[in-house]
Amino acid sequence: MKEQIFIFCTVPDAGTASTIGKTIVEKKLAACVSWGSAVHSVYRWDGRIEEADELNLTIKTVREKYKDVEELILSLHPYELPEIVSVPVLDGLEPYLEWIRQGTC
């Protein structure tokens, strides 16, 4: 059985979120990509403390699609070093988990 994962990625704006989200779902690399209200990030970059408003993408997919999702994000993302991390989904409502698996076929 395919192992479900969530991939997290921050983006600078709704246009980038929509472009990445739609492309991922259209290519069946994930069942769903969600984002909501902006978050405010404080981070160190090039030796300076920076701040930015960003959106968090949550990409619902399966482990075997991770590399394809990563490559697609890198091709569309405006950041030099985008956040792209995945976490396993250890448990969940089985019909929902099946929906994720079916959405990546």
Protein backbone atom coordinates (compact mmCIF):
# COMPACT_ATOMS: atom_id res chain seq x y z
CA MET A 1 0.00 0.00 0.00
CA LYS A 2 1.22 3.52 -0.80
CA GLU A 3 2.45 5.53 2.19
CA GLN A 4 0.81 8.94 2.51
CA ILE A 5 2.88 12.02 3.28
CA PHE A 6 2.23 15.73 3.67
CA ILE A 7 4.73 18.07 2.05
CA PHE A 8 5.06 21.59 3.44
CA CYS A 9 6.29 24.51 1.38
CA THR A 10 6.16 28.26 2.00
CA VAL A 11 5.50 30.61 -0.92
CA PRO A 12 5.52 34.42 -1.16
CA ASP A 13 2.00 35.00 -2.49
CA ALA A 14 -1.35 33.59 -3.62
CA GLY A 15 -0.36 33.60 -7.29
CA THR A 16 2.61 31.33 -6.63
CA ALA A 17 0.48 29.13 -4.36
CA SER A 18 -2.17 28.76 -7.06
CA THR A 19 0.32 28.04 -9.85
CA ILE A 20 2.18 25.40 -7.84
CA GLY A 21 -1.00 23.89 -6.36
CA LYS A 22 -2.90 23.60 -9.65
CA THR A 23 0.10 22.17 -11.49
CA ILE A 24 0.72 19.53 -8.82
CA VAL A 25 -2.92 18.41 -8.78
CA GLU A 26 -3.28 18.52 -12.59
CA LYS A 27 -0.25 16.22 -12.92
CA LYS A 28 -1.72 13.87 -10.27
CA LEU A 29 1.31 14.33 -8.06
CA ALA A 30 -1.02 15.01 -5.12
CA ALA A 31 -4.69 14.66 -4.30
CA CYS A 32 -4.89 18.17 -2.83
CA VAL A 33 -2.85 21.27 -2.13
CA SER A 34 -4.18 23.66 0.52
CA TRP A 35 -3.20 27.03 1.88
CA GLY A 36 -4.92 29.58 4.05
CA SER A 37 -4.11 32.77 5.86
CA ALA A 38 -0.68 34.33 5.63
CA VAL A 39 1.97 33.58 8.20
CA HIS A 40 4.74 35.95 9.17
CA SER A 41 8.22 34.45 9.03
CA VAL A 42 11.40 35.67 10.71
CA TYR A 43 14.55 33.99 9.42
CA ARG A 44 18.27 34.44 8.85
CA TRP A 45 19.34 34.83 5.23
CA ASP A 46 22.75 35.95 3.94
CA GLY A 47 23.82 36.86 7.47
CA ARG A 48 20.85 39.15 8.12
CA ILE A 49 17.59 38.73 10.00
CA GLU A 50 14.73 39.00 7.49
CA GLU A 51 10.94 39.08 7.82
CA ALA A 52 8.28 38.21 5.25
CA ASP A 53 4.61 37.41 4.93
CA GLU A 54 4.21 33.99 3.32
CA LEU A 55 1.65 31.27 2.70
CA ASN A 56 2.11 27.68 3.85
CA LEU A 57 1.23 25.03 1.29
CA THR A 58 0.17 21.61 2.55
CA ILE A 59 0.51 19.03 -0.22
CA LYS A 60 -1.31 15.71 0.37
CA THR A 61 0.40 12.95 -1.56
CA VAL A 62 2.24 9.63 -1.34
CA ARG A 63 5.93 9.02 -0.68
CA GLU A 64 6.64 7.69 -4.17
CA LYS A 65 5.65 11.08 -5.65
CA TYR A 66 7.93 13.15 -3.39
CA LYS A 67 10.82 13.62 -5.84
CA ASP A 68 8.46 14.64 -8.67
CA VAL A 69 6.74 17.17 -6.39
CA GLU A 70 10.11 18.52 -5.26
CA GLU A 71 11.31 18.94 -8.85
CA LEU A 72 8.09 20.67 -9.87
CA ILE A 73 8.24 23.08 -6.92
CA LEU A 74 11.88 23.91 -7.70
CA SER A 75 10.95 24.65 -11.33
CA LEU A 76 8.11 27.05 -10.39
CA HIS A 77 9.22 28.58 -7.07
CA PRO A 78 10.73 32.09 -7.03
CA TYR A 79 12.90 31.53 -3.93
CA GLU A 80 16.56 30.62 -4.25
CA LEU A 81 16.13 28.08 -1.43
CA PRO A 82 12.47 27.12 -0.93
CA GLU A 83 11.26 25.22 2.11
CA ILE A 84 10.26 21.73 0.96
CA VAL A 85 9.87 19.16 3.73
CA SER A 86 7.73 16.06 4.10
CA VAL A 87 6.28 14.27 7.07
CA PRO A 88 4.67 10.83 7.16
CA VAL A 89 0.97 10.50 7.86
CA LEU A 90 0.99 7.87 10.59
CA ASP A 91 -2.76 7.55 11.09
CA GLY A 92 -5.94 9.00 9.68
CA LEU A 93 -9.48 8.32 8.57
CA GLU A 94 -9.02 5.41 6.17
CA PRO A 95 -11.45 6.66 3.48
CA TYR A 96 -9.57 9.98 3.43
CA LEU A 97 -6.20 8.23 3.18
CA GLU A 98 -7.57 6.12 0.32
CA TRP A 99 -8.73 9.32 -1.38
CA ILE A 100 -5.14 10.62 -1.22
CA ARG A 101 -3.84 7.35 -2.70
CA GLN A 102 -6.43 7.42 -5.51
CA GLY A 103 -5.74 11.07 -6.25
CA THR A 104 -2.15 10.25 -7.16
CA CYS A 105 -2.92 7.49 -9.66
